[in-house]
């Protein structure tokens, strides 16, 4: 099992790597806090995600919704 990690590349770009599965996400947050930038769009590179299940996909969608609500 590979834990999910999120690496900030610059103000707008992030890389998600590892596994997005029921066993690896638990209470992880996509970002610990809202990105501090004037940009209204953020990009997430998922090319290094090695495995995804339905729980991981739901976590990803929920995380994006949280970011959108924060502004």
Protein backbone atom coordinates (compact mmCIF):
# COMPACT_ATOMS: atom_id res chain seq x y z
CA UNK A 1 0.00 0.00 0.00
CA UNK A 2 1.34 3.41 -1.00
CA UNK A 3 0.10 6.46 0.86
CA UNK A 4 -1.30 9.31 -1.20
CA UNK A 5 0.87 12.42 -1.29
CA UNK A 6 0.27 15.86 -2.75
CA UNK A 7 3.23 17.99 -3.79
CA UNK A 8 2.90 21.66 -4.65
CA UNK A 9 4.82 22.43 -7.84
CA UNK A 10 4.00 26.15 -8.02
CA UNK A 11 1.12 28.48 -7.10
CA UNK A 12 -1.38 26.71 -9.36
CA UNK A 13 0.03 23.22 -9.94
CA UNK A 14 0.02 20.17 -7.69
CA UNK A 15 1.09 16.56 -8.20
CA UNK A 16 -0.88 13.72 -6.62
CA UNK A 17 1.02 10.44 -6.28
CA UNK A 18 0.59 7.04 -4.66
CA UNK A 19 -2.63 5.09 -4.31
CA UNK A 20 -6.10 6.58 -4.03
CA UNK A 21 -7.78 3.66 -2.31
CA UNK A 22 -9.94 3.03 0.73
CA UNK A 23 -6.85 1.87 2.62
CA UNK A 24 -4.57 4.78 1.72
CA UNK A 25 -6.72 7.90 2.05
CA UNK A 26 -8.37 7.55 5.50
CA UNK A 27 -8.72 11.09 6.84
CA UNK A 28 -6.20 12.64 4.44
CA UNK A 29 -7.06 15.98 2.93
CA UNK A 30 -6.10 16.88 -0.59
CA UNK A 31 -4.63 20.14 0.68
CA UNK A 32 -4.23 21.07 4.33
CA UNK A 33 -5.37 24.59 3.55
CA UNK A 34 -6.70 26.59 0.64
CA UNK A 35 -3.93 27.59 -1.76
CA UNK A 36 -2.73 31.12 -1.00
CA UNK A 37 -2.78 32.72 -4.42
CA UNK A 38 -4.92 35.03 -6.51
CA UNK A 39 -5.56 32.26 -9.03
CA UNK A 40 -9.07 30.84 -9.18
CA UNK A 41 -7.98 27.70 -11.01
CA UNK A 42 -5.66 24.97 -9.72
CA UNK A 43 -4.29 22.04 -11.67
CA UNK A 44 -3.73 18.57 -10.24
CA UNK A 45 -1.43 16.17 -12.09
CA UNK A 46 -2.66 12.62 -11.44
CA UNK A 47 -0.11 10.89 -13.69
CA UNK A 48 1.76 9.43 -10.70
CA UNK A 49 -1.32 7.87 -9.12
CA UNK A 50 -0.67 4.15 -9.28
CA UNK A 51 -4.09 2.81 -8.30
CA UNK A 52 -7.62 4.16 -7.74
CA UNK A 53 -10.75 2.54 -6.35
CA UNK A 54 -14.24 4.00 -5.94
CA UNK A 55 -13.44 5.31 -2.43
CA UNK A 56 -10.40 7.11 -3.82
CA UNK A 57 -12.43 8.63 -6.64
CA UNK A 58 -15.10 9.77 -4.17
CA UNK A 59 -12.38 11.28 -1.94
CA UNK A 60 -10.95 13.18 -4.91
CA UNK A 61 -14.35 14.57 -5.96
CA UNK A 62 -15.17 15.53 -2.36
CA UNK A 63 -11.78 17.25 -1.99
CA UNK A 64 -12.34 19.31 -5.14
CA UNK A 65 -15.81 20.30 -3.87
CA UNK A 66 -14.27 21.43 -0.54
CA UNK A 67 -11.73 23.59 -2.37
CA UNK A 68 -14.46 25.13 -4.50
CA UNK A 69 -16.53 25.98 -1.40
CA UNK A 70 -13.54 27.68 0.23
CA UNK A 71 -13.43 30.11 -2.62
